[in-house]
Amino acid sequence: MIRHFVVETFVVRGSSMEPTLHDGERLLVSKFTYRLHPPRPGDIVVFRSPVNPGDDLIKRVIAVAGDRVEIARGQVIVNGLAREELYITPGDVKSFPPVIVPAGSIFVLGDNRPNSEDSRYFGPVSVRAVKGKAVLIWWPFSYFAVLR
């Protein structure tokens, strides 16, 4: 019951969320948070892959329904304002044309932009595909941290 409705452990696979999360780390994911409120920009979420629904992905919410998001030479711009992103791996200078996030959806990006398949590739993600919010790195214990 707890695993199904409250919290679940997920394992990070790959480098798309570096430097925030690393391959093999185990996260505690709150499954009830989004019963209280919808995902918010900055949240790290686990969701069913739109490309392969049998896989789970971990990415950061950049924009929510109704937001206009674009990327200009690596700089994320939401509703005309550049986002300050101190958590990303530097080096990505690619651009992405403006899109409006549809109702019931979120726009997600990996923190390691040069090595992340995210909403730039598969489009906005349905909020219904979101399994929960990553709240804690619990393993390896030396990397124990609360995620904000």
Foldseek 3Di string as FASTA:
>chain_A
DCCQAFKHKDAADDDLAPPVDDHGWIFIFGQCPVVVPFDDAQFWFWFQDPVHSVDIHTWGFHFAAFWKWWAAQRFIAINNRTDDDPGADDDRGDIADIDGAHPQWTFTGHSDRVPTDGCSNVNTDGSVRTRGTTAWGPPPVVPTDGRD
